[in-house]
Amino acid sequence: MDFVSLNESFSPLQKLTSSPLLLHVHEILSSEDADTKIAINITDKPDLFSLLLVTTNAKENYWNMHIFYMDQVEKHNKEYRYHTFSNNESIHLHNCLSQLFK
């Protein structure tokens, strides 16, 4: 996953139509410090939309993963699910899922 500066981050988002989800992403990005680096991964299919936003700031020593998800029904109703995880929470989640899917 390639990280870019906060100023470079909006280009993938410009392709998306305005929605409550997109406003939420912009709120997260607007709250970040200028030193923050981000990575965005978007999957947009008829039956599934997901957006992974990772924010990291070495100066302030944090890393967060934000996951947005919509299935077909949620997409139609302009609703979405959202979860955020810190670095430690992400590691714990990864370990739990690794054990589950052994």
Protein backbone atom coordinates (compact mmCIF):
# COMPACT_ATOMS: atom_id res chain seq x y z
CA MET A 1 0.00 0.00 0.00
CA ASP A 2 1.51 3.32 -1.07
CA PHE A 3 1.17 6.27 1.27
CA VAL A 4 0.77 9.81 -0.05
CA SER A 5 0.61 13.20 1.58
CA LEU A 6 -2.72 14.55 2.73
CA ASN A 7 -2.82 17.01 -0.21
CA GLU A 8 -2.44 14.22 -2.75
CA SER A 9 -5.15 12.08 -1.17
CA PHE A 10 -8.27 13.55 -2.68
CA SER A 11 -7.75 12.39 -6.29
CA PRO A 12 -9.27 8.87 -5.87
CA LEU A 13 -12.16 10.39 -3.92
CA GLN A 14 -13.03 12.83 -6.72
CA LYS A 15 -14.33 9.93 -8.82
CA LEU A 16 -16.99 9.08 -6.22
CA THR A 17 -20.44 10.62 -6.13
CA SER A 18 -21.36 12.76 -3.16
CA SER A 19 -22.80 10.71 -0.30
CA PRO A 20 -22.88 10.57 3.50
CA LEU A 21 -20.00 8.08 3.34
CA LEU A 22 -17.87 10.45 1.27
CA LEU A 23 -18.64 13.30 3.66
CA HIS A 24 -17.50 11.09 6.55
CA VAL A 25 -14.20 10.36 4.77
CA HIS A 26 -13.67 14.09 4.16
CA GLU A 27 -14.35 14.78 7.87
CA ILE A 28 -11.65 12.28 8.85
CA LEU A 29 -9.16 13.76 6.39
CA SER A 30 -9.98 17.32 7.48
CA SER A 31 -9.23 16.43 11.09
CA GLU A 32 -5.76 15.11 10.27
CA ASP A 33 -2.52 17.02 10.81
CA ALA A 34 -0.56 18.27 7.77
CA ASP A 35 2.18 15.68 8.49
CA THR A 36 -0.24 12.78 8.09
CA LYS A 37 0.28 10.30 5.27
CA ILE A 38 -2.63 8.28 3.92
CA ALA A 39 -3.43 5.31 1.73
CA ILE A 40 -6.80 4.69 0.11
CA ASN A 41 -8.13 1.51 -1.50
CA ILE A 42 -11.57 1.61 -3.13
CA THR A 43 -13.63 -1.29 -4.49
CA ASP A 44 -16.80 -0.25 -6.28
CA LYS A 45 -18.91 -3.05 -7.77
CA PRO A 46 -22.69 -3.25 -8.29
CA ASP A 47 -23.19 -5.48 -5.23
CA LEU A 48 -20.37 -4.16 -3.02
CA PHE A 49 -18.61 -0.93 -2.18
CA SER A 50 -15.68 -0.78 0.20
CA LEU A 51 -13.23 1.94 1.05
CA LEU A 52 -10.14 1.38 3.17
CA LEU A 53 -8.49 4.53 4.49
CA VAL A 54 -5.24 4.25 6.43
CA THR A 55 -3.90 7.34 8.19
CA THR A 56 -0.43 7.42 9.71
CA ASN A 57 1.62 10.12 11.34
CA ALA A 58 5.20 9.28 12.36
CA LYS A 59 5.65 12.61 14.14
CA GLU A 60 2.67 11.94 16.43
CA ASN A 61 3.27 8.17 16.41
CA TYR A 62 -0.12 6.82 15.35
CA TRP A 63 -1.64 4.61 12.69
CA ASN A 64 -5.38 4.13 12.09
CA MET A 65 -7.34 1.99 9.68
CA HIS A 66 -10.85 3.13 8.70
CA ILE A 67 -13.10 0.67 6.86
CA PHE A 68 -16.29 1.73 5.08
CA TYR A 69 -18.56 -0.92 3.58
CA MET A 70 -21.89 -1.03 1.73
CA ASP A 71 -23.67 -4.04 0.34
CA GLN A 72 -26.28 -3.68 -2.41
CA VAL A 73 -29.16 -2.82 -0.04
CA GLU A 74 -27.11 -0.33 1.97
CA LYS A 75 -25.87 1.23 -1.24
CA HIS A 76 -29.44 1.70 -2.47
CA ASN A 77 -30.47 3.26 0.88
CA LYS A 78 -27.31 5.42 1.06
CA GLU A 79 -26.32 3.75 4.32
CA TYR A 80 -22.95 2.28 5.21
CA ARG A 81 -21.04 0.43 7.88
CA TYR A 82 -17.93 1.96 9.39
CA HIS A 83 -15.20 0.60 11.64
CA THR A 84 -11.94 2.14 12.75
CA PHE A 85 -8.96 0.36 14.27
CA SER A 86 -5.72 1.59 15.79
CA ASN A 87 -2.44 -0.15 15.00
CA ASN A 88 -2.69 -2.37 18.10
CA GLU A 89 -6.34 -3.20 17.44
CA SER A 90 -5.49 -4.10 13.82
CA ILE A 91 -2.73 -6.46 14.95
CA HIS A 92 -5.08 -8.11 17.46
CA LEU A 93 -7.83 -8.43 14.82
CA HIS A 94 -5.35 -9.96 12.36
CA ASN A 95 -4.21 -12.49 14.98
CA CYS A 96 -7.81 -13.42 15.85
CA LEU A 97 -8.79 -13.86 12.21
CA SER A 98 -5.63 -15.88 11.51
CA GLN A 99 -6.55 -18.27 14.32
CA LEU A 100 -10.15 -18.48 13.14
CA PHE A 101 -9.27 -19.30 9.53
CA LYS A 102 -6.44 -21.80 10.19
